[in-house]
């Protein structure tokens, strides 16, 4: 936790919410996020929002999602900024939620990838929630 700049009090509070056997998992996540353009402040914010991220295997769970967003035109710094606002998309499955919702919204509004990403920045439910099942109901009500 020292590498993230947490105060001793903050580190103690976080340590009560998540426990790990070795430092390998948290260091792996911190290194992964740093290598993908996240600042120390952003990493600290991610951990505060979701301490369980420290337990993940980032190369397995996050890298495919990062690569998906890179393939849609986001740079590492823009992805880091986007995740600072809408972090919880990393909790969802790439093939079960992110890609289907991305494509559904893109087809629904007939826009390019950049417009979907802009909409996502404003409302994370587009990729995070069950948008594909909720959107038709909401549209029919309109």
N, C-alpha and C. Protein backbone atom coordinates (compact mmCIF):
# COMPACT_ATOMS: atom_id res chain seq x y z
N UNK A 1 0.82 -1.19 0.00
CA UNK A 1 0.00 0.00 0.00
C UNK A 1 0.87 1.26 0.00
N UNK A 2 2.10 1.12 0.46
CA UNK A 2 2.98 2.28 0.46
C UNK A 2 3.23 2.79 -0.95
N UNK A 3 3.28 1.88 -1.93
CA UNK A 3 3.57 2.30 -3.29
C UNK A 3 2.43 3.10 -3.90
N UNK A 4 1.26 3.07 -3.27
CA UNK A 4 0.11 3.85 -3.77
C UNK A 4 -0.03 5.18 -3.05
N UNK A 5 0.74 5.39 -2.01
CA UNK A 5 0.68 6.66 -1.30
C UNK A 5 -0.46 6.77 -0.31
N UNK A 6 -0.97 5.65 0.18
CA UNK A 6 -2.03 5.69 1.19
C UNK A 6 -1.46 6.11 2.53
N UNK A 7 -2.23 6.84 3.28
CA UNK A 7 -1.85 7.15 4.65
C UNK A 7 -1.95 5.87 5.46
N UNK A 8 -1.28 5.78 6.58
CA UNK A 8 -1.40 4.58 7.41
C UNK A 8 -2.85 4.28 7.80
N UNK A 9 -3.63 5.32 8.07
CA UNK A 9 -5.04 5.12 8.43
C UNK A 9 -5.83 4.53 7.27
N UNK A 10 -5.63 5.07 6.08
CA UNK A 10 -6.33 4.57 4.90
C UNK A 10 -5.93 3.14 4.59
N UNK A 11 -4.64 2.86 4.71
CA UNK A 11 -4.15 1.50 4.45
C UNK A 11 -4.76 0.51 5.44
N UNK A 12 -4.89 0.92 6.69
CA UNK A 12 -5.49 0.06 7.70
C UNK A 12 -6.96 -0.22 7.38
N UNK A 13 -7.70 0.81 7.00
CA UNK A 13 -9.11 0.62 6.64
C UNK A 13 -9.26 -0.31 5.44
N UNK A 14 -8.42 -0.12 4.42
CA UNK A 14 -8.48 -0.98 3.24
C UNK A 14 -8.09 -2.41 3.57
N UNK A 15 -7.13 -2.57 4.47
CA UNK A 15 -6.67 -3.92 4.81
C UNK A 15 -7.77 -4.72 5.50
N UNK A 16 -8.74 -4.04 6.08
CA UNK A 16 -9.87 -4.73 6.71
C UNK A 16 -10.88 -5.19 5.66
N UNK A 17 -10.86 -4.58 4.49
CA UNK A 17 -11.81 -4.92 3.43
C UNK A 17 -11.29 -6.00 2.48
N UNK A 18 -9.98 -6.17 2.42
CA UNK A 18 -9.40 -7.15 1.51
C UNK A 18 -8.13 -7.72 2.15
N UNK A 19 -7.96 -9.02 2.00
CA UNK A 19 -6.78 -9.66 2.56
C UNK A 19 -6.13 -10.53 1.49
N UNK A 20 -4.82 -10.49 1.43
CA UNK A 20 -4.10 -11.31 0.48
C UNK A 20 -2.93 -11.97 1.19
N UNK A 21 -2.54 -13.11 0.64
CA UNK A 21 -1.50 -13.90 1.28
C UNK A 21 -0.10 -13.35 1.02
N UNK A 22 0.12 -12.83 -0.18
CA UNK A 22 1.43 -12.27 -0.52
C UNK A 22 1.22 -10.91 -1.18
N UNK A 23 2.30 -10.21 -1.39
CA UNK A 23 2.25 -8.91 -2.06
C UNK A 23 2.19 -9.04 -3.58
N UNK A 24 2.31 -10.27 -4.10
CA UNK A 24 2.38 -10.47 -5.55
C UNK A 24 1.16 -9.93 -6.28
N UNK A 25 -0.03 -10.27 -5.81
CA UNK A 25 -1.26 -9.83 -6.49
C UNK A 25 -1.41 -8.31 -6.50
N UNK A 26 -1.27 -7.64 -5.36
CA UNK A 26 -1.42 -6.18 -5.40
C UNK A 26 -0.34 -5.50 -6.24
N UNK A 27 0.89 -5.99 -6.13
CA UNK A 27 1.97 -5.41 -6.92
C UNK A 27 1.73 -5.64 -8.41
N UNK A 28 1.20 -6.80 -8.75
CA UNK A 28 0.90 -7.11 -10.14
C UNK A 28 -0.14 -6.14 -10.71
N UNK A 29 -1.17 -5.86 -9.94
CA UNK A 29 -2.20 -4.92 -10.39
C UNK A 29 -1.64 -3.51 -10.51
N UNK A 30 -0.89 -3.09 -9.53
CA UNK A 30 -0.31 -1.74 -9.55
C UNK A 30 0.63 -1.58 -10.75
N UNK A 31 1.47 -2.58 -10.98
CA UNK A 31 2.37 -2.53 -12.14
C UNK A 31 1.58 -2.51 -13.45
N UNK A 32 0.56 -3.34 -13.53
CA UNK A 32 -0.28 -3.39 -14.73
C UNK A 32 -0.90 -2.03 -15.02
N UNK A 33 -1.51 -1.44 -14.01
CA UNK A 33 -2.16 -0.14 -14.21
C UNK A 33 -1.15 0.95 -14.55
N UNK A 34 0.00 0.93 -13.90
CA UNK A 34 1.05 1.91 -14.21
C UNK A 34 1.52 1.76 -15.65
N UNK A 35 1.69 0.52 -16.09
CA UNK A 35 2.14 0.26 -17.46
C UNK A 35 1.10 0.65 -18.50
N UNK A 36 -0.14 0.82 -18.08
CA UNK A 36 -1.21 1.19 -18.99
C UNK A 36 -1.65 2.64 -18.80
N UNK A 37 -0.75 3.46 -18.30
CA UNK A 37 -0.96 4.90 -18.28
C UNK A 37 -1.70 5.46 -17.08
N UNK A 38 -1.94 4.66 -16.07
CA UNK A 38 -2.64 5.17 -14.89
C UNK A 38 -1.65 5.84 -13.94
N UNK A 39 -2.04 6.97 -13.44
CA UNK A 39 -1.20 7.69 -12.48
C UNK A 39 -1.35 7.07 -11.09
N UNK A 40 -0.47 7.44 -10.20
CA UNK A 40 -0.55 6.94 -8.82
C UNK A 40 -1.87 7.39 -8.19
N UNK A 41 -2.31 8.59 -8.48
CA UNK A 41 -3.58 9.09 -7.95
C UNK A 41 -4.75 8.26 -8.48
N UNK A 42 -4.74 7.93 -9.77
CA UNK A 42 -5.81 7.10 -10.34
C UNK A 42 -5.80 5.70 -9.74
N UNK A 43 -4.63 5.13 -9.58
CA UNK A 43 -4.53 3.79 -9.00
C UNK A 43 -5.05 3.79 -7.57
N UNK A 44 -4.68 4.79 -6.82
CA UNK A 44 -5.17 4.91 -5.44
C UNK A 44 -6.69 5.01 -5.42
N UNK A 45 -7.24 5.79 -6.34
CA UNK A 45 -8.69 5.94 -6.44
C UNK A 45 -9.36 4.61 -6.80
N UNK A 46 -8.78 3.86 -7.74
CA UNK A 46 -9.34 2.56 -8.12
C UNK A 46 -9.39 1.63 -6.91
N UNK A 47 -8.31 1.60 -6.15
CA UNK A 47 -8.22 0.70 -5.01
C UNK A 47 -9.20 1.12 -3.92
N UNK A 48 -9.36 2.42 -3.73
CA UNK A 48 -10.32 2.89 -2.74
C UNK A 48 -11.75 2.52 -3.13
N UNK A 49 -12.06 2.63 -4.42
CA UNK A 49 -13.41 2.31 -4.89
C UNK A 49 -13.67 0.81 -4.84
N UNK A 50 -12.68 0.03 -5.16
CA UNK A 50 -12.87 -1.41 -5.26
C UNK A 50 -11.60 -2.15 -4.82
N UNK A 51 -11.40 -2.28 -3.51
CA UNK A 51 -10.18 -2.93 -3.02
C UNK A 51 -10.00 -4.37 -3.52
N UNK A 52 -11.09 -5.04 -3.86
CA UNK A 52 -10.97 -6.41 -4.35
C UNK A 52 -10.21 -6.51 -5.67
N UNK A 53 -10.04 -5.41 -6.37
CA UNK A 53 -9.23 -5.43 -7.59
C UNK A 53 -7.79 -5.86 -7.28
N UNK A 54 -7.37 -5.65 -6.04
CA UNK A 54 -6.02 -6.04 -5.66
C UNK A 54 -5.82 -7.55 -5.72
N UNK A 55 -6.91 -8.30 -5.72
CA UNK A 55 -6.83 -9.76 -5.72
C UNK A 55 -6.85 -10.37 -7.12
N UNK A 56 -7.09 -9.57 -8.13
CA UNK A 56 -7.25 -10.10 -9.48
C UNK A 56 -5.91 -10.41 -10.13
N UNK A 57 -6.00 -11.11 -11.22
CA UNK A 57 -4.85 -11.38 -12.08
C UNK A 57 -5.03 -10.48 -13.30
N UNK A 58 -4.41 -9.31 -13.30
CA UNK A 58 -4.72 -8.32 -14.33
C UNK A 58 -4.45 -8.75 -15.77
N UNK A 59 -3.42 -9.53 -15.97
CA UNK A 59 -3.13 -9.97 -17.35
C UNK A 59 -4.26 -10.84 -17.88
N UNK A 60 -4.91 -11.58 -16.99
CA UNK A 60 -6.00 -12.46 -17.39
C UNK A 60 -7.34 -11.74 -17.41
N UNK A 61 -7.61 -10.95 -16.38
CA UNK A 61 -8.95 -10.37 -16.26
C UNK A 61 -9.08 -8.98 -16.88
N UNK A 62 -8.04 -8.17 -16.85
CA UNK A 62 -8.17 -6.79 -17.33
C UNK A 62 -7.55 -6.54 -18.70
N UNK A 63 -6.47 -7.24 -19.02
CA UNK A 63 -5.80 -6.99 -20.29
C UNK A 63 -6.72 -7.14 -21.50
N UNK A 64 -7.54 -8.20 -21.59
CA UNK A 64 -8.44 -8.29 -22.75
C UNK A 64 -9.41 -7.10 -22.83
N UNK A 65 -9.85 -6.60 -21.70
CA UNK A 65 -10.77 -5.45 -21.69
C UNK A 65 -10.03 -4.19 -22.12
N UNK A 66 -8.82 -4.00 -21.62
CA UNK A 66 -8.02 -2.85 -22.04
C UNK A 66 -7.77 -2.92 -23.54
N UNK A 67 -7.41 -4.10 -24.05
CA UNK A 67 -7.15 -4.25 -25.48
C UNK A 67 -8.41 -3.96 -26.30
N UNK A 68 -9.57 -4.35 -25.80
CA UNK A 68 -10.81 -4.03 -26.50
C UNK A 68 -10.98 -2.52 -26.62
N UNK A 69 -10.79 -1.80 -25.52
CA UNK A 69 -10.95 -0.34 -25.56
C UNK A 69 -9.87 0.30 -26.43
N UNK A 70 -8.65 -0.24 -26.41
CA UNK A 70 -7.60 0.28 -27.30
C UNK A 70 -8.01 0.08 -28.76
N UNK A 71 -8.62 -1.08 -29.05
CA UNK A 71 -9.03 -1.36 -30.43
C UNK A 71 -10.13 -0.43 -30.91
N UNK A 72 -10.82 0.19 -29.98
CA UNK A 72 -11.88 1.14 -30.32
C UNK A 72 -11.37 2.58 -30.39
N UNK A 73 -10.07 2.74 -30.27
CA UNK A 73 -9.47 4.05 -30.48
C UNK A 73 -9.07 4.81 -29.24
N UNK A 74 -9.24 4.23 -28.07
CA UNK A 74 -8.82 4.94 -26.85
C UNK A 74 -7.32 4.77 -26.63
N UNK A 75 -6.66 5.85 -26.28
CA UNK A 75 -5.27 5.77 -25.88
C UNK A 75 -5.21 5.32 -24.42
N UNK A 76 -4.04 4.95 -23.95
CA UNK A 76 -3.93 4.49 -22.56
C UNK A 76 -4.29 5.61 -21.59
N UNK A 77 -3.90 6.84 -21.90
CA UNK A 77 -4.23 7.94 -20.98
C UNK A 77 -5.73 8.23 -20.97
N UNK A 78 -6.38 8.14 -22.13
CA UNK A 78 -7.83 8.37 -22.17
C UNK A 78 -8.58 7.23 -21.50
N UNK A 79 -8.08 6.01 -21.65
CA UNK A 79 -8.72 4.88 -20.97
C UNK A 79 -8.57 5.03 -19.46
N UNK A 80 -7.39 5.43 -19.00
CA UNK A 80 -7.18 5.64 -17.57
C UNK A 80 -8.12 6.71 -17.04
N UNK A 81 -8.29 7.79 -17.79
CA UNK A 81 -9.21 8.85 -17.37
C UNK A 81 -10.65 8.36 -17.36
N UNK A 82 -11.03 7.57 -18.36
CA UNK A 82 -12.38 7.03 -18.43
C UNK A 82 -12.65 6.09 -17.26
N UNK A 83 -11.69 5.24 -16.95
CA UNK A 83 -11.86 4.30 -15.84
C UNK A 83 -11.89 5.02 -14.50
N UNK A 84 -11.27 6.18 -14.43
CA UNK A 84 -11.34 6.97 -13.20
C UNK A 84 -12.78 7.37 -12.89
N UNK A 85 -13.56 7.54 -13.93
CA UNK A 85 -14.96 7.93 -13.78
C UNK A 85 -15.86 6.71 -13.72
N UNK A 86 -15.60 5.74 -14.58
CA UNK A 86 -16.48 4.57 -14.75
C UNK A 86 -15.68 3.28 -14.57
N UNK A 87 -15.21 3.01 -13.39
CA UNK A 87 -14.34 1.87 -13.11
C UNK A 87 -15.05 0.52 -13.19
N UNK A 88 -16.31 0.48 -12.85
CA UNK A 88 -16.97 -0.80 -12.63
C UNK A 88 -17.17 -1.64 -13.88
N UNK A 89 -16.91 -1.10 -15.03
CA UNK A 89 -16.98 -1.93 -16.24
C UNK A 89 -15.97 -3.07 -16.18
N UNK A 90 -14.89 -2.87 -15.43
CA UNK A 90 -13.88 -3.93 -15.32
C UNK A 90 -14.40 -5.14 -14.55
N UNK A 91 -15.51 -4.99 -13.86
CA UNK A 91 -16.12 -6.12 -13.15
C UNK A 91 -16.95 -7.00 -14.09
N UNK A 92 -17.29 -6.51 -15.24
CA UNK A 92 -18.15 -7.24 -16.17
C UNK A 92 -17.32 -8.04 -17.15
N UNK A 93 -17.94 -9.08 -17.68
CA UNK A 93 -17.28 -9.94 -18.65
C UNK A 93 -17.18 -9.25 -20.01
N UNK A 94 -16.05 -9.42 -20.64
CA UNK A 94 -15.83 -8.82 -21.95
C UNK A 94 -16.81 -9.38 -22.98
N UNK A 95 -16.89 -10.70 -23.06
CA UNK A 95 -17.73 -11.32 -24.08
C UNK A 95 -19.20 -11.42 -23.68
N UNK A 96 -19.47 -11.38 -22.38
CA UNK A 96 -20.85 -11.51 -21.93
C UNK A 96 -21.57 -10.18 -21.81
N UNK A 97 -20.84 -9.08 -21.58
CA UNK A 97 -21.49 -7.79 -21.40
C UNK A 97 -20.90 -6.66 -22.25
N UNK A 98 -19.61 -6.46 -22.13
CA UNK A 98 -19.00 -5.27 -22.73
C UNK A 98 -19.17 -5.26 -24.25
N UNK A 99 -18.71 -6.30 -24.91
CA UNK A 99 -18.78 -6.32 -26.38
C UNK A 99 -20.23 -6.35 -26.87
N UNK A 100 -21.09 -7.24 -26.34
CA UNK A 100 -22.49 -7.22 -26.83
C UNK A 100 -23.18 -5.88 -26.60
N UNK A 101 -22.99 -5.28 -25.43
CA UNK A 101 -23.63 -3.99 -25.17
C UNK A 101 -23.05 -2.89 -26.05
N UNK A 102 -21.74 -2.92 -26.25
CA UNK A 102 -21.10 -1.93 -27.12
C UNK A 102 -21.70 -2.02 -28.53
N UNK A 103 -21.75 -3.23 -29.07
CA UNK A 103 -22.27 -3.41 -30.43
C UNK A 103 -23.76 -3.09 -30.51
N UNK A 104 -24.52 -3.47 -29.51
CA UNK A 104 -25.95 -3.17 -29.50
C UNK A 104 -26.19 -1.67 -29.52
N UNK A 105 -25.49 -0.94 -28.65
CA UNK A 105 -25.67 0.51 -28.60
C UNK A 105 -25.20 1.17 -29.90
N UNK A 106 -24.11 0.69 -30.43
CA UNK A 106 -23.59 1.23 -31.69
C UNK A 106 -24.61 1.05 -32.81
N UNK A 107 -25.21 -0.13 -32.90
CA UNK A 107 -26.22 -0.40 -33.93
C UNK A 107 -27.52 0.35 -33.66
N UNK A 108 -27.88 0.47 -32.39
CA UNK A 108 -29.11 1.16 -32.01
C UNK A 108 -29.10 2.62 -32.46
N UNK A 109 -28.02 3.30 -32.22
CA UNK A 109 -27.95 4.72 -32.56
C UNK A 109 -27.27 4.98 -33.90
N UNK A 110 -26.74 3.94 -34.52
CA UNK A 110 -26.12 4.10 -35.84
C UNK A 110 -24.92 5.03 -35.81
N UNK A 111 -24.09 4.86 -34.80
CA UNK A 111 -22.94 5.75 -34.67
C UNK A 111 -21.64 4.96 -34.70
N UNK A 112 -20.55 5.70 -34.68
CA UNK A 112 -19.24 5.08 -34.66
C UNK A 112 -18.79 4.77 -33.24
N UNK A 113 -17.66 4.10 -33.16
CA UNK A 113 -17.12 3.72 -31.86
C UNK A 113 -16.90 4.92 -30.95
N UNK A 114 -16.46 6.03 -31.52
CA UNK A 114 -16.17 7.20 -30.71
C UNK A 114 -17.42 7.74 -30.01
N UNK A 115 -18.56 7.66 -30.66
CA UNK A 115 -19.81 8.13 -30.04
C UNK A 115 -20.26 7.18 -28.92
N UNK A 116 -20.04 5.89 -29.10
CA UNK A 116 -20.38 4.93 -28.05
C UNK A 116 -19.52 5.20 -26.82
N UNK A 117 -18.23 5.45 -27.04
CA UNK A 117 -17.33 5.73 -25.93
C UNK A 117 -17.69 7.04 -25.23
N UNK A 118 -18.11 8.02 -26.00
CA UNK A 118 -18.55 9.28 -25.40
C UNK A 118 -19.81 9.06 -24.56
N UNK A 119 -20.74 8.28 -25.08
CA UNK A 119 -21.96 7.97 -24.32
C UNK A 119 -21.62 7.18 -23.07
N UNK A 120 -20.68 6.25 -23.18
CA UNK A 120 -20.26 5.47 -22.03
C UNK A 120 -19.66 6.36 -20.95
N UNK A 121 -18.90 7.34 -21.37
CA UNK A 121 -18.28 8.26 -20.41
C UNK A 121 -19.35 8.98 -19.61
N UNK A 122 -20.47 9.25 -20.24
CA UNK A 122 -21.55 9.98 -19.56
C UNK A 122 -22.47 9.05 -18.77
N UNK A 123 -22.58 7.79 -19.22
CA UNK A 123 -23.44 6.83 -18.53
C UNK A 123 -22.87 5.43 -18.68
N UNK A 124 -22.27 4.94 -17.62
CA UNK A 124 -21.59 3.65 -17.70
C UNK A 124 -22.53 2.48 -17.89
N UNK A 125 -23.81 2.66 -17.66
CA UNK A 125 -24.77 1.59 -17.84
C UNK A 125 -24.80 1.03 -19.25
N UNK A 126 -24.33 1.80 -20.19
CA UNK A 126 -24.29 1.33 -21.58
C UNK A 126 -23.49 0.05 -21.70
N UNK A 127 -22.39 -0.05 -20.98
CA UNK A 127 -21.55 -1.24 -21.06
C UNK A 127 -21.60 -2.08 -19.79
N UNK A 128 -21.97 -1.50 -18.69
CA UNK A 128 -21.89 -2.18 -17.40
C UNK A 128 -23.17 -2.91 -17.03
N UNK A 129 -24.29 -2.28 -17.23
CA UNK A 129 -25.57 -2.86 -16.82
C UNK A 129 -26.14 -3.74 -17.93
N UNK A 130 -27.31 -4.23 -17.70
CA UNK A 130 -27.99 -5.06 -18.68
C UNK A 130 -28.67 -4.17 -19.72
N UNK A 131 -27.88 -3.30 -20.33
CA UNK A 131 -28.40 -2.30 -21.26
C UNK A 131 -29.14 -2.94 -22.41
N UNK A 132 -28.61 -4.02 -22.91
CA UNK A 132 -29.21 -4.67 -24.08
C UNK A 132 -30.63 -5.12 -23.81
N UNK A 133 -30.92 -5.54 -22.59
CA UNK A 133 -32.28 -5.98 -22.26
C UNK A 133 -33.17 -4.83 -21.80
N UNK A 134 -32.59 -3.77 -21.23
CA UNK A 134 -33.37 -2.64 -20.74
C UNK A 134 -33.74 -1.63 -21.83
N UNK A 135 -32.87 -1.47 -22.78
CA UNK A 135 -33.08 -0.43 -23.80
C UNK A 135 -34.37 -0.63 -24.60
N UNK A 136 -34.68 -1.80 -25.12
CA UNK A 136 -35.91 -1.95 -25.90
C UNK A 136 -37.17 -1.59 -25.10
N UNK A 137 -37.19 -1.97 -23.82
CA UNK A 137 -38.34 -1.64 -22.98
C UNK A 137 -38.47 -0.13 -22.83
N UNK A 138 -37.36 0.54 -22.55
CA UNK A 138 -37.41 1.99 -22.40
C UNK A 138 -37.78 2.68 -23.71
N UNK A 139 -37.29 2.18 -24.81
CA UNK A 139 -37.60 2.78 -26.12
C UNK A 139 -39.07 2.60 -26.43
N UNK A 140 -39.63 1.44 -26.13
CA UNK A 140 -41.05 1.20 -26.42
C UNK A 140 -41.93 2.12 -25.57
N UNK A 141 -41.49 2.48 -24.38
CA UNK A 141 -42.26 3.40 -23.55
C UNK A 141 -42.28 4.81 -24.11
N UNK A 142 -41.22 5.16 -24.83
CA UNK A 142 -41.14 6.50 -25.41
C UNK A 142 -42.04 6.58 -26.62
